[in-house]
N, C-alpha and C. Protein backbone atom coordinates (compact mmCIF):
# COMPACT_ATOMS: atom_id res chain seq x y z
N UNK A 1 123.49 92.65 96.98
CA UNK A 1 122.05 92.79 97.00
C UNK A 1 121.38 91.76 96.12
N UNK A 2 122.09 91.20 95.18
CA UNK A 2 121.47 90.25 94.28
C UNK A 2 121.53 88.81 94.79
N UNK A 3 122.51 88.49 95.62
CA UNK A 3 122.64 87.13 96.14
C UNK A 3 122.30 87.12 97.62
N UNK A 4 121.14 86.58 97.99
CA UNK A 4 120.75 86.58 99.40
C UNK A 4 121.75 85.78 100.23
N UNK A 5 122.13 86.34 101.38
CA UNK A 5 123.05 85.66 102.27
C UNK A 5 124.50 85.99 102.05
N UNK A 6 124.84 86.62 100.93
CA UNK A 6 126.24 86.91 100.64
C UNK A 6 126.80 87.95 101.62
N UNK A 7 126.01 88.93 102.01
CA UNK A 7 126.46 89.93 102.96
C UNK A 7 126.79 89.32 104.31
N UNK A 8 125.95 88.35 104.74
CA UNK A 8 126.22 87.66 105.99
C UNK A 8 127.50 86.83 105.87
N UNK A 9 127.67 86.16 104.75
CA UNK A 9 128.85 85.33 104.57
C UNK A 9 130.13 86.17 104.52
N UNK A 10 130.04 87.37 103.96
CA UNK A 10 131.21 88.25 103.92
C UNK A 10 131.57 88.76 105.32
N UNK A 11 130.61 88.77 106.23
CA UNK A 11 130.86 89.18 107.61
C UNK A 11 131.20 87.98 108.49
N UNK A 12 131.54 86.86 107.87
CA UNK A 12 131.92 85.65 108.58
C UNK A 12 130.75 85.01 109.32
N UNK A 13 129.55 85.17 108.77
CA UNK A 13 128.35 84.55 109.31
C UNK A 13 127.85 83.54 108.28
N UNK A 14 128.54 82.42 108.18
CA UNK A 14 128.25 81.48 107.09
C UNK A 14 126.88 80.82 107.25
N UNK A 15 126.59 80.27 108.44
CA UNK A 15 125.31 79.59 108.62
C UNK A 15 124.12 80.54 108.47
N UNK A 16 124.14 81.74 109.08
CA UNK A 16 123.03 82.66 108.81
C UNK A 16 122.90 83.01 107.32
N UNK A 17 124.02 83.11 106.61
CA UNK A 17 123.96 83.38 105.18
C UNK A 17 123.29 82.26 104.41
N UNK A 18 123.60 81.03 104.78
CA UNK A 18 122.96 79.87 104.13
C UNK A 18 121.47 79.83 104.45
N UNK A 19 121.12 80.09 105.72
CA UNK A 19 119.70 80.12 106.10
C UNK A 19 118.95 81.20 105.33
N UNK A 20 119.54 82.40 105.23
CA UNK A 20 118.88 83.48 104.49
C UNK A 20 118.72 83.11 103.02
N UNK A 21 119.74 82.51 102.43
CA UNK A 21 119.65 82.13 101.01
C UNK A 21 118.52 81.13 100.80
N UNK A 22 118.41 80.15 101.69
CA UNK A 22 117.35 79.14 101.56
C UNK A 22 115.98 79.77 101.80
N UNK A 23 115.88 80.65 102.79
CA UNK A 23 114.60 81.30 103.09
C UNK A 23 114.14 82.18 101.94
N UNK A 24 115.04 82.96 101.39
CA UNK A 24 114.68 83.85 100.27
C UNK A 24 114.33 83.03 99.03
N UNK A 25 115.09 81.98 98.76
CA UNK A 25 114.77 81.12 97.61
C UNK A 25 113.41 80.48 97.78
N UNK A 26 113.11 80.03 98.99
CA UNK A 26 111.77 79.46 99.24
C UNK A 26 110.68 80.49 99.09
N UNK A 27 110.96 81.71 99.50
CA UNK A 27 109.98 82.79 99.34
C UNK A 27 109.71 83.10 97.88
N UNK A 28 110.77 83.16 97.08
CA UNK A 28 110.57 83.41 95.65
C UNK A 28 109.90 82.21 94.97
N UNK A 29 110.16 81.00 95.47
CA UNK A 29 109.50 79.82 94.91
C UNK A 29 108.01 79.88 95.20
N UNK A 30 107.65 80.33 96.41
CA UNK A 30 106.24 80.39 96.79
C UNK A 30 105.50 81.41 95.93
N UNK A 31 106.06 82.59 95.82
CA UNK A 31 105.45 83.66 95.06
C UNK A 31 106.42 84.84 95.12
N UNK A 32 106.23 85.84 94.34
CA UNK A 32 107.16 86.95 94.28
C UNK A 32 107.21 87.74 95.59
N UNK A 33 106.06 88.05 96.18
CA UNK A 33 106.02 88.95 97.33
C UNK A 33 106.67 88.38 98.59
N UNK A 34 106.44 87.12 98.96
CA UNK A 34 107.18 86.60 100.13
C UNK A 34 108.69 86.63 99.91
N UNK A 35 109.13 86.32 98.72
CA UNK A 35 110.56 86.37 98.42
C UNK A 35 111.11 87.77 98.53
N UNK A 36 110.34 88.73 98.07
CA UNK A 36 110.78 90.12 98.14
C UNK A 36 110.87 90.60 99.58
N UNK A 37 109.91 90.22 100.41
CA UNK A 37 109.94 90.60 101.83
C UNK A 37 111.14 89.96 102.52
N UNK A 38 111.36 88.66 102.31
CA UNK A 38 112.49 87.98 102.93
C UNK A 38 113.82 88.56 102.42
N UNK A 39 113.86 88.93 101.14
CA UNK A 39 115.07 89.51 100.58
C UNK A 39 115.37 90.86 101.25
N UNK A 40 114.33 91.66 101.46
CA UNK A 40 114.52 92.96 102.13
C UNK A 40 115.01 92.75 103.56
N UNK A 41 114.44 91.77 104.28
CA UNK A 41 114.90 91.48 105.64
C UNK A 41 116.34 91.00 105.64
N UNK A 42 116.71 90.22 104.64
CA UNK A 42 118.08 89.73 104.52
C UNK A 42 119.05 90.89 104.31
N UNK A 43 118.69 91.83 103.46
CA UNK A 43 119.53 92.99 103.20
C UNK A 43 119.68 93.83 104.47
N UNK A 44 118.58 94.05 105.18
CA UNK A 44 118.64 94.83 106.42
C UNK A 44 119.49 94.12 107.48
N UNK A 45 119.37 92.79 107.56
CA UNK A 45 120.17 92.04 108.52
C UNK A 45 121.66 92.16 108.21
N UNK A 46 122.01 92.06 106.94
CA UNK A 46 123.42 92.18 106.55
C UNK A 46 123.94 93.60 106.77
N UNK A 47 123.09 94.59 106.55
CA UNK A 47 123.54 95.97 106.66
C UNK A 47 123.72 96.42 108.11
N UNK A 48 122.86 95.96 109.00
CA UNK A 48 122.85 96.50 110.35
C UNK A 48 123.38 95.55 111.42
N UNK A 49 123.78 94.34 111.06
CA UNK A 49 124.35 93.44 112.07
C UNK A 49 125.85 93.69 112.19
N UNK A 50 126.36 93.51 113.38
CA UNK A 50 127.78 93.74 113.63
C UNK A 50 128.45 92.41 113.91
N UNK A 51 129.44 92.09 113.15
CA UNK A 51 130.22 90.87 113.40
C UNK A 51 129.38 89.62 113.43
N UNK A 52 129.33 88.98 114.61
CA UNK A 52 128.61 87.72 114.72
C UNK A 52 127.17 87.88 115.17
N UNK A 53 126.69 89.12 115.31
CA UNK A 53 125.29 89.34 115.63
C UNK A 53 124.50 89.26 114.33
N UNK A 54 123.52 88.40 114.31
CA UNK A 54 122.67 88.30 113.13
C UNK A 54 121.25 87.99 113.58
N UNK A 55 120.29 88.43 112.79
CA UNK A 55 118.91 88.09 113.09
C UNK A 55 118.71 86.58 113.04
N UNK A 56 119.51 85.90 112.24
CA UNK A 56 119.38 84.45 112.10
C UNK A 56 120.35 83.70 113.00
N UNK A 57 120.93 84.38 113.99
CA UNK A 57 121.87 83.74 114.91
C UNK A 57 121.16 82.73 115.78
N UNK A 58 119.89 82.93 116.05
CA UNK A 58 119.04 82.01 116.80
C UNK A 58 119.58 81.71 118.20
N UNK A 59 120.15 82.71 118.86
CA UNK A 59 120.66 82.50 120.21
C UNK A 59 119.62 82.82 121.27
N UNK A 60 118.59 83.57 120.93
CA UNK A 60 117.55 83.89 121.91
C UNK A 60 116.22 83.29 121.46
N UNK A 61 115.35 83.06 122.42
CA UNK A 61 114.06 82.44 122.11
C UNK A 61 113.18 83.28 121.20
N UNK A 62 113.11 84.60 121.34
CA UNK A 62 112.28 85.36 120.39
C UNK A 62 112.75 85.21 118.95
N UNK A 63 114.06 85.15 118.73
CA UNK A 63 114.56 84.95 117.37
C UNK A 63 114.22 83.57 116.87
N UNK A 64 114.31 82.57 117.72
CA UNK A 64 113.96 81.20 117.31
C UNK A 64 112.48 81.10 116.97
N UNK A 65 111.64 81.72 117.80
CA UNK A 65 110.20 81.68 117.55
C UNK A 65 109.86 82.41 116.25
N UNK A 66 110.49 83.56 116.02
CA UNK A 66 110.26 84.30 114.78
C UNK A 66 110.69 83.48 113.57
N UNK A 67 111.83 82.82 113.67
CA UNK A 67 112.33 82.00 112.57
C UNK A 67 111.37 80.85 112.27
N UNK A 68 110.92 80.16 113.31
CA UNK A 68 109.98 79.04 113.11
C UNK A 68 108.66 79.55 112.54
N UNK A 69 108.20 80.72 113.01
CA UNK A 69 106.95 81.29 112.50
C UNK A 69 107.08 81.66 111.03
N UNK A 70 108.23 82.22 110.63
CA UNK A 70 108.44 82.57 109.22
C UNK A 70 108.46 81.32 108.35
N UNK A 71 109.13 80.27 108.82
CA UNK A 71 109.18 79.02 108.05
C UNK A 71 107.79 78.40 107.96
N UNK A 72 107.06 78.38 109.07
CA UNK A 72 105.71 77.81 109.07
C UNK A 72 104.78 78.59 108.14
N UNK A 73 104.89 79.91 108.17
CA UNK A 73 104.06 80.73 107.28
C UNK A 73 104.40 80.47 105.82
N UNK A 74 105.67 80.33 105.52
CA UNK A 74 106.08 80.07 104.14
C UNK A 74 105.60 78.70 103.68
N UNK A 75 105.78 77.68 104.51
CA UNK A 75 105.34 76.33 104.14
C UNK A 75 103.82 76.30 103.99
N UNK A 76 103.12 76.96 104.92
CA UNK A 76 101.65 77.03 104.81
C UNK A 76 101.20 77.73 103.55
N UNK A 77 101.87 78.79 103.20
CA UNK A 77 101.52 79.53 101.98
C UNK A 77 101.76 78.69 100.74
N UNK A 78 102.90 78.00 100.70
CA UNK A 78 103.19 77.13 99.55
C UNK A 78 102.14 76.03 99.45
N UNK A 79 101.79 75.44 100.57
CA UNK A 79 100.78 74.37 100.55
C UNK A 79 99.43 74.92 100.09
N UNK A 80 99.00 76.04 100.67
CA UNK A 80 97.71 76.63 100.32
C UNK A 80 97.67 77.03 98.84
N UNK A 81 98.76 77.54 98.33
CA UNK A 81 98.81 78.00 96.95
C UNK A 81 98.75 76.83 95.96
N UNK A 82 99.29 75.68 96.34
CA UNK A 82 99.35 74.55 95.42
C UNK A 82 98.23 73.53 95.60
N UNK A 83 97.33 73.76 96.55
CA UNK A 83 96.22 72.81 96.76
C UNK A 83 95.07 73.17 95.87
């Protein structure tokens, strides 16, 4: 629970684990609340995904769109906060 992405990596989902770690770190860099939300989503993904199924697997278009939207929202928030 303390290291984002570790649960995914323990389930042999290395790339989703790395993506989650980067996303959560970016969220905490932006501000506490985005990091906390991303961390909670990361924990839920690790807890409820089976084997190679992951929210960050990016095999379907809705997951890809959600991932791009989350990244765009985070980058926009960081930009808005620092301008």
